[in-house]
Amino acid sequence: MNLVFTIEPPGEAVDNLPMTAMKAILFGGDRLAVADEAVVLRVDGEKVGIATLAPKGEGTGNPTIVGVWIRRDHRRKGHGKVLFERAIDRALERGFQRVHVDLLSRWMTSIVNSISKERRGILSINASGMSMFDLMDRLD
């Protein structure tokens, strides 16, 4: 299995994704408009994951990982964790000292809990609103 990360404009990164409830929530409207980069994960040449970075967040002024998405057939294989870690590393490369993330599902909470203490230490975490997004994830 060959995992490759690329940095792409967010609009291009989400093009051609199937329209689902989670795509609309994670990458719709302002959530995509505030992002200036997407970390894209390809496995054996296929796009299977996207994490978007917004240098000023969603109106907060704080660098934020706005959306993290993994194609359903690639979940529970560690791809979400490595994509999220790469997004954090990319934020650090860009000079961000702290990075905000909203935990919108149990899946995302488990990813954050699985990363190293050092990486978790640079995160500003908001866990409100999880139950609504867990429901939406089941529909996706």
N, C-alpha and C. Protein backbone atom coordinates (compact mmCIF):
# COMPACT_ATOMS: atom_id res chain seq x y z
N MET A 1 0.85 -1.17 0.00
CA MET A 1 0.00 0.00 0.00
C MET A 1 0.89 1.24 0.00
N ASN A 2 0.66 2.12 -0.95
CA ASN A 2 1.47 3.32 -1.12
C ASN A 2 0.65 4.55 -0.71
N LEU A 3 1.03 5.20 0.41
CA LEU A 3 0.35 6.41 0.89
C LEU A 3 1.15 7.62 0.46
N VAL A 4 0.48 8.59 -0.18
CA VAL A 4 1.12 9.81 -0.65
C VAL A 4 0.27 10.99 -0.21
N PHE A 5 0.94 12.00 0.36
CA PHE A 5 0.26 13.24 0.76
C PHE A 5 0.64 14.34 -0.21
N THR A 6 -0.35 15.15 -0.58
CA THR A 6 -0.09 16.33 -1.40
C THR A 6 -0.81 17.51 -0.75
N ILE A 7 -0.34 18.71 -1.08
CA ILE A 7 -1.00 19.94 -0.64
C ILE A 7 -1.67 20.53 -1.88
N GLU A 8 -2.97 20.79 -1.77
CA GLU A 8 -3.74 21.27 -2.91
C GLU A 8 -4.66 22.41 -2.49
N PRO A 9 -5.10 23.22 -3.46
CA PRO A 9 -6.15 24.20 -3.12
C PRO A 9 -7.40 23.44 -2.66
N PRO A 10 -8.07 23.93 -1.63
CA PRO A 10 -9.20 23.18 -1.08
C PRO A 10 -10.32 22.90 -2.08
N GLY A 11 -10.64 23.87 -2.93
CA GLY A 11 -11.71 23.65 -3.91
C GLY A 11 -11.40 22.50 -4.84
N GLU A 12 -10.16 22.43 -5.29
CA GLU A 12 -9.75 21.33 -6.17
C GLU A 12 -9.75 20.01 -5.42
N ALA A 13 -9.36 20.04 -4.15
CA ALA A 13 -9.28 18.81 -3.36
C ALA A 13 -10.64 18.15 -3.19
N VAL A 14 -11.68 18.95 -3.01
CA VAL A 14 -13.00 18.37 -2.76
C VAL A 14 -13.81 18.15 -4.04
N ASP A 15 -13.34 18.69 -5.16
CA ASP A 15 -14.02 18.42 -6.43
C ASP A 15 -14.07 16.92 -6.65
N ASN A 16 -15.12 16.46 -7.25
CA ASN A 16 -15.31 15.06 -7.61
C ASN A 16 -15.57 14.15 -6.41
N LEU A 17 -15.68 14.70 -5.20
CA LEU A 17 -16.12 13.85 -4.09
C LEU A 17 -17.62 13.63 -4.26
N PRO A 18 -18.11 12.45 -3.91
CA PRO A 18 -19.57 12.25 -3.99
C PRO A 18 -20.28 13.19 -3.03
N MET A 19 -21.43 13.70 -3.45
CA MET A 19 -22.19 14.60 -2.59
C MET A 19 -22.87 13.78 -1.50
N THR A 20 -22.46 14.01 -0.29
CA THR A 20 -23.03 13.35 0.86
C THR A 20 -23.31 14.39 1.93
N ALA A 21 -24.02 13.99 2.96
CA ALA A 21 -24.29 14.91 4.07
C ALA A 21 -22.99 15.38 4.70
N MET A 22 -22.03 14.46 4.89
CA MET A 22 -20.77 14.85 5.52
C MET A 22 -19.96 15.79 4.63
N LYS A 23 -19.98 15.59 3.33
CA LYS A 23 -19.27 16.52 2.45
C LYS A 23 -19.86 17.92 2.59
N ALA A 24 -21.18 17.99 2.62
CA ALA A 24 -21.84 19.29 2.75
C ALA A 24 -21.48 19.96 4.06
N ILE A 25 -21.43 19.19 5.15
CA ILE A 25 -21.12 19.75 6.46
C ILE A 25 -19.65 20.14 6.56
N LEU A 26 -18.75 19.25 6.14
CA LEU A 26 -17.32 19.50 6.32
C LEU A 26 -16.73 20.49 5.34
N PHE A 27 -17.27 20.53 4.12
CA PHE A 27 -16.63 21.34 3.09
C PHE A 27 -17.58 22.31 2.41
N GLY A 28 -18.76 22.52 2.96
CA GLY A 28 -19.72 23.41 2.34
C GLY A 28 -19.58 24.84 2.82
N GLY A 29 -20.05 25.75 2.00
CA GLY A 29 -20.14 27.16 2.37
C GLY A 29 -18.85 27.75 2.91
N ASP A 30 -18.97 28.43 4.07
CA ASP A 30 -17.84 29.13 4.66
C ASP A 30 -16.72 28.19 5.09
N ARG A 31 -17.05 26.94 5.42
CA ARG A 31 -16.02 26.01 5.89
C ARG A 31 -14.96 25.80 4.81
N LEU A 32 -15.35 25.78 3.56
CA LEU A 32 -14.38 25.64 2.48
C LEU A 32 -13.78 27.00 2.12
N ALA A 33 -14.60 28.05 2.19
CA ALA A 33 -14.15 29.38 1.80
C ALA A 33 -13.01 29.90 2.68
N VAL A 34 -13.00 29.53 3.97
CA VAL A 34 -11.95 30.03 4.86
C VAL A 34 -10.65 29.24 4.75
N ALA A 35 -10.72 28.05 4.17
CA ALA A 35 -9.53 27.20 4.03
C ALA A 35 -8.69 27.67 2.86
N ASP A 36 -7.38 27.65 3.04
CA ASP A 36 -6.50 28.02 1.93
C ASP A 36 -5.64 26.86 1.44
N GLU A 37 -5.68 25.74 2.16
CA GLU A 37 -4.94 24.55 1.76
C GLU A 37 -5.71 23.30 2.17
N ALA A 38 -5.47 22.25 1.42
CA ALA A 38 -5.98 20.94 1.80
C ALA A 38 -4.83 19.95 1.75
N VAL A 39 -4.72 19.15 2.78
CA VAL A 39 -3.79 18.02 2.78
C VAL A 39 -4.60 16.85 2.23
N VAL A 40 -4.13 16.28 1.14
CA VAL A 40 -4.85 15.20 0.48
C VAL A 40 -4.06 13.92 0.63
N LEU A 41 -4.75 12.85 1.01
CA LEU A 41 -4.14 11.53 1.13
C LEU A 41 -4.61 10.68 -0.04
N ARG A 42 -3.63 10.12 -0.73
CA ARG A 42 -3.92 9.16 -1.79
C ARG A 42 -3.31 7.82 -1.40
N VAL A 43 -4.07 6.77 -1.61
CA VAL A 43 -3.60 5.42 -1.37
C VAL A 43 -3.61 4.70 -2.72
N ASP A 44 -2.44 4.25 -3.12
CA ASP A 44 -2.29 3.59 -4.42
C ASP A 44 -2.90 4.44 -5.54
N GLY A 45 -2.68 5.78 -5.45
CA GLY A 45 -3.12 6.70 -6.49
C GLY A 45 -4.54 7.21 -6.35
N GLU A 46 -5.35 6.64 -5.46
CA GLU A 46 -6.74 7.08 -5.29
C GLU A 46 -6.87 8.05 -4.13
N LYS A 47 -7.61 9.14 -4.36
CA LYS A 47 -7.87 10.11 -3.28
C LYS A 47 -8.80 9.46 -2.27
N VAL A 48 -8.31 9.34 -1.02
CA VAL A 48 -9.12 8.69 0.01
C VAL A 48 -9.33 9.57 1.24
N GLY A 49 -8.64 10.71 1.32
CA GLY A 49 -8.79 11.56 2.49
C GLY A 49 -8.41 13.00 2.23
N ILE A 50 -9.06 13.89 2.96
CA ILE A 50 -8.80 15.33 2.83
C ILE A 50 -8.90 15.97 4.21
N ALA A 51 -7.96 16.86 4.51
CA ALA A 51 -8.03 17.70 5.71
C ALA A 51 -7.77 19.14 5.26
N THR A 52 -8.66 20.04 5.60
CA THR A 52 -8.52 21.43 5.17
C THR A 52 -7.98 22.30 6.30
N LEU A 53 -7.13 23.26 5.91
CA LEU A 53 -6.51 24.19 6.86
C LEU A 53 -6.97 25.61 6.57
N ALA A 54 -7.38 26.30 7.64
CA ALA A 54 -7.79 27.70 7.54
C ALA A 54 -6.89 28.52 8.45
N PRO A 55 -6.04 29.38 7.90
CA PRO A 55 -5.09 30.12 8.73
C PRO A 55 -5.72 31.05 9.76
N LYS A 56 -6.94 31.50 9.48
CA LYS A 56 -7.63 32.39 10.43
C LYS A 56 -8.91 31.77 10.96
N GLY A 57 -9.04 30.47 10.79
CA GLY A 57 -10.19 29.75 11.32
C GLY A 57 -11.49 30.15 10.66
N GLU A 58 -12.55 29.89 11.36
CA GLU A 58 -13.89 30.24 10.88
C GLU A 58 -14.36 31.50 11.60
N GLY A 59 -13.62 32.58 11.41
CA GLY A 59 -13.95 33.85 12.03
C GLY A 59 -13.31 34.06 13.39
N THR A 60 -12.55 33.10 13.87
CA THR A 60 -11.94 33.22 15.19
C THR A 60 -10.57 33.89 15.13
N GLY A 61 -9.95 33.87 13.97
CA GLY A 61 -8.59 34.39 13.84
C GLY A 61 -7.53 33.37 14.21
N ASN A 62 -7.96 32.16 14.61
CA ASN A 62 -7.02 31.12 15.03
C ASN A 62 -6.86 30.06 13.94
N PRO A 63 -5.63 29.66 13.63
CA PRO A 63 -5.43 28.59 12.65
C PRO A 63 -6.25 27.36 13.04
N THR A 64 -6.93 26.78 12.05
CA THR A 64 -7.87 25.70 12.32
C THR A 64 -7.78 24.61 11.26
N ILE A 65 -7.84 23.36 11.72
CA ILE A 65 -8.09 22.25 10.80
C ILE A 65 -9.60 22.17 10.73
N VAL A 66 -10.14 22.61 9.60
CA VAL A 66 -11.59 22.82 9.49
C VAL A 66 -12.35 21.52 9.24
N GLY A 67 -11.87 20.70 8.35
CA GLY A 67 -12.58 19.47 8.03
C GLY A 67 -11.61 18.33 7.79
N VAL A 68 -11.96 17.15 8.27
CA VAL A 68 -11.17 15.94 8.02
C VAL A 68 -12.15 14.89 7.51
N TRP A 69 -11.85 14.35 6.33
CA TRP A 69 -12.73 13.37 5.70
C TRP A 69 -11.91 12.20 5.18
N ILE A 70 -12.40 11.00 5.43
CA ILE A 70 -11.80 9.78 4.90
C ILE A 70 -12.91 9.01 4.18
N ARG A 71 -12.61 8.55 2.98
CA ARG A 71 -13.58 7.76 2.23
C ARG A 71 -13.99 6.55 3.07
N ARG A 72 -15.28 6.25 3.07
CA ARG A 72 -15.83 5.21 3.95
C ARG A 72 -15.07 3.89 3.86
N ASP A 73 -14.70 3.44 2.68
CA ASP A 73 -14.03 2.14 2.55
C ASP A 73 -12.57 2.18 3.00
N HIS A 74 -12.10 3.34 3.44
CA HIS A 74 -10.73 3.45 3.96
C HIS A 74 -10.71 3.81 5.44
N ARG A 75 -11.85 3.80 6.07
CA ARG A 75 -11.91 4.06 7.51
C ARG A 75 -11.51 2.81 8.28
N ARG A 76 -11.07 3.03 9.51
CA ARG A 76 -10.62 1.96 10.41
C ARG A 76 -9.37 1.23 9.88
N LYS A 77 -8.57 1.97 9.11
CA LYS A 77 -7.31 1.42 8.61
C LYS A 77 -6.13 2.29 9.02
N GLY A 78 -6.39 3.29 9.87
CA GLY A 78 -5.33 4.19 10.31
C GLY A 78 -5.12 5.38 9.40
N HIS A 79 -5.90 5.47 8.32
CA HIS A 79 -5.71 6.58 7.37
C HIS A 79 -6.14 7.92 7.94
N GLY A 80 -7.20 7.93 8.75
CA GLY A 80 -7.63 9.18 9.37
C GLY A 80 -6.58 9.73 10.30
N LYS A 81 -5.96 8.85 11.07
CA LYS A 81 -4.91 9.27 12.00
C LYS A 81 -3.71 9.85 11.25
N VAL A 82 -3.22 9.16 10.23
CA VAL A 82 -2.03 9.67 9.53
C VAL A 82 -2.35 10.95 8.77
N LEU A 83 -3.56 11.07 8.26
CA LEU A 83 -3.95 12.32 7.58
C LEU A 83 -4.01 13.47 8.58
N PHE A 84 -4.62 13.24 9.73
CA PHE A 84 -4.72 14.29 10.74
C PHE A 84 -3.33 14.69 11.24
N GLU A 85 -2.46 13.71 11.47
CA GLU A 85 -1.08 14.02 11.89
C GLU A 85 -0.36 14.84 10.83
N ARG A 86 -0.56 14.50 9.56
CA ARG A 86 0.09 15.27 8.48
C ARG A 86 -0.47 16.68 8.42
N ALA A 87 -1.77 16.85 8.69
CA ALA A 87 -2.36 18.20 8.70
C ALA A 87 -1.77 19.03 9.84
N ILE A 88 -1.57 18.41 11.01
CA ILE A 88 -0.94 19.12 12.12
C ILE A 88 0.49 19.50 11.75
N ASP A 89 1.23 18.57 11.18
CA ASP A 89 2.60 18.84 10.77
C ASP A 89 2.65 19.98 9.74
N ARG A 90 1.70 19.98 8.82
CA ARG A 90 1.65 21.05 7.82
C ARG A 90 1.40 22.40 8.49
N ALA A 91 0.50 22.42 9.46
CA ALA A 91 0.24 23.66 10.19
C ALA A 91 1.50 24.15 10.89
N LEU A 92 2.25 23.24 11.49
CA LEU A 92 3.52 23.62 12.13
C LEU A 92 4.53 24.13 11.12
N GLU A 93 4.60 23.48 9.95
CA GLU A 93 5.50 23.94 8.89
C GLU A 93 5.17 25.37 8.47
N ARG A 94 3.90 25.72 8.54
CA ARG A 94 3.47 27.07 8.16
C ARG A 94 3.70 28.09 9.28
N GLY A 95 4.19 27.63 10.42
CA GLY A 95 4.52 28.54 11.51
C GLY A 95 3.42 28.75 12.54
N PHE A 96 2.35 27.97 12.45
CA PHE A 96 1.28 28.09 13.43
C PHE A 96 1.73 27.46 14.74
N GLN A 97 1.60 28.19 15.83
CA GLN A 97 2.00 27.70 17.15
C GLN A 97 0.96 26.78 17.76
N ARG A 98 -0.32 27.13 17.55
CA ARG A 98 -1.45 26.32 18.05
C ARG A 98 -2.42 26.15 16.89
N VAL A 99 -3.14 25.06 16.93
CA VAL A 99 -4.10 24.77 15.87
C VAL A 99 -5.42 24.36 16.52
N HIS A 100 -6.49 25.02 16.11
CA HIS A 100 -7.81 24.71 16.64
C HIS A 100 -8.43 23.56 15.85
N VAL A 101 -9.18 22.71 16.55
CA VAL A 101 -9.94 21.65 15.89
C VAL A 101 -11.25 21.46 16.65
N ASP A 102 -12.34 21.34 15.89
CA ASP A 102 -13.64 21.02 16.48
C ASP A 102 -13.83 19.51 16.37
N LEU A 103 -14.12 18.87 17.48
CA LEU A 103 -14.39 17.44 17.47
C LEU A 103 -15.88 17.26 17.20
N LEU A 104 -16.19 16.88 15.97
CA LEU A 104 -17.58 16.82 15.55
C LEU A 104 -18.14 15.40 15.52
N SER A 105 -17.34 14.44 15.93
CA SER A 105 -17.82 13.05 15.95
C SER A 105 -16.95 12.23 16.90
N ARG A 106 -17.47 11.08 17.26
CA ARG A 106 -16.67 10.16 18.08
C ARG A 106 -15.44 9.69 17.30
N TRP A 107 -15.59 9.55 15.98
CA TRP A 107 -14.47 9.15 15.12
C TRP A 107 -13.32 10.15 15.26
N MET A 108 -13.64 11.43 15.17
CA MET A 108 -12.59 12.45 15.26
C MET A 108 -12.01 12.49 16.67
N THR A 109 -12.83 12.29 17.68
CA THR A 109 -12.34 12.24 19.05
C THR A 109 -11.35 11.10 19.22
N SER A 110 -11.66 9.94 18.65
CA SER A 110 -10.74 8.80 18.78
C SER A 110 -9.43 9.07 18.05
N ILE A 111 -9.48 9.77 16.94
CA ILE A 111 -8.24 10.12 16.23
C ILE A 111 -7.39 11.04 17.10
N VAL A 112 -8.00 12.08 17.65
CA VAL A 112 -7.25 13.02 18.50
C VAL A 112 -6.66 12.28 19.70
N ASN A 113 -7.42 11.38 20.29
CA ASN A 113 -6.91 10.63 21.43
C ASN A 113 -5.79 9.66 21.07
N SER A 114 -5.68 9.29 19.80
CA SER A 114 -4.67 8.32 19.39
C SER A 114 -3.33 8.95 19.00
N ILE A 115 -3.31 10.26 18.80
CA ILE A 115 -2.05 10.89 18.38
C ILE A 115 -1.16 11.13 19.59
N SER A 116 0.09 11.43 19.32
CA SER A 116 1.05 11.62 20.41
C SER A 116 0.67 12.81 21.29
N LYS A 117 1.11 12.74 22.53
CA LYS A 117 0.87 13.81 23.50
C LYS A 117 1.46 15.14 22.99
N GLU A 118 2.61 15.06 22.32
CA GLU A 118 3.25 16.27 21.80
C GLU A 118 2.37 16.94 20.76
N ARG A 119 1.84 16.15 19.83
CA ARG A 119 0.96 16.74 18.81
C ARG A 119 -0.33 17.25 19.44
N ARG A 120 -0.91 16.49 20.35
CA ARG A 120 -2.14 16.92 21.03
C ARG A 120 -1.91 18.22 21.78
N GLY A 121 -0.70 18.41 22.28
CA GLY A 121 -0.38 19.60 23.06
C GLY A 121 -0.47 20.90 22.30
N ILE A 122 -0.37 20.86 20.98
CA ILE A 122 -0.49 22.10 20.21
C ILE A 122 -1.92 22.38 19.76
N LEU A 123 -2.82 21.43 20.06
CA LEU A 123 -4.21 21.60 19.63
C LEU A 123 -5.03 22.38 20.65
N SER A 124 -5.90 23.22 20.14
CA SER A 124 -6.97 23.84 20.92
C SER A 124 -8.22 23.10 20.49
N ILE A 125 -8.85 22.39 21.43
CA ILE A 125 -9.91 21.45 21.07
C ILE A 125 -11.27 21.93 21.57
N ASN A 126 -12.26 21.89 20.68
CA ASN A 126 -13.64 22.18 21.04
C ASN A 126 -14.46 20.92 20.75
N ALA A 127 -15.13 20.40 21.76
CA ALA A 127 -15.89 19.15 21.60
C ALA A 127 -17.41 19.38 21.64
N SER A 128 -17.87 20.58 21.47
CA SER A 128 -19.32 20.81 21.51
C SER A 128 -19.98 20.39 20.19
N GLY A 129 -21.23 19.98 20.26
CA GLY A 129 -21.99 19.65 19.05
C GLY A 129 -21.73 18.27 18.48
N MET A 130 -21.05 17.39 19.23
CA MET A 130 -20.69 16.10 18.68
C MET A 130 -21.89 15.23 18.32
N SER A 131 -22.92 15.20 19.12
CA SER A 131 -23.99 14.23 18.88
C SER A 131 -24.68 14.46 17.54
N MET A 132 -24.89 15.69 17.12
CA MET A 132 -25.52 15.95 15.84
C MET A 132 -24.66 15.41 14.70
N PHE A 133 -23.37 15.61 14.78
CA PHE A 133 -22.50 15.18 13.70
C PHE A 133 -22.29 13.67 13.71
N ASP A 134 -22.36 13.03 14.86
CA ASP A 134 -22.32 11.56 14.89
C ASP A 134 -23.50 11.00 14.12
N LEU A 135 -24.66 11.60 14.29
CA LEU A 135 -25.84 11.16 13.56
C LEU A 135 -25.63 11.34 12.06
N MET A 136 -25.12 12.49 11.66
CA MET A 136 -24.89 12.75 10.23
C MET A 136 -23.87 11.77 9.66
N ASP A 137 -22.85 11.42 10.44
CA ASP A 137 -21.84 10.49 9.96
C ASP A 137 -22.44 9.12 9.68
N ARG A 138 -23.43 8.72 10.46
CA ARG A 138 -24.09 7.43 10.23
C ARG A 138 -24.89 7.46 8.93
N LEU A 139 -25.35 8.62 8.53
CA LEU A 139 -26.13 8.74 7.29
C LEU A 139 -25.23 8.76 6.07
N ASP A 140 -23.98 9.10 6.22
CA ASP A 140 -23.04 9.25 5.11
C ASP A 140 -22.59 7.91 4.58
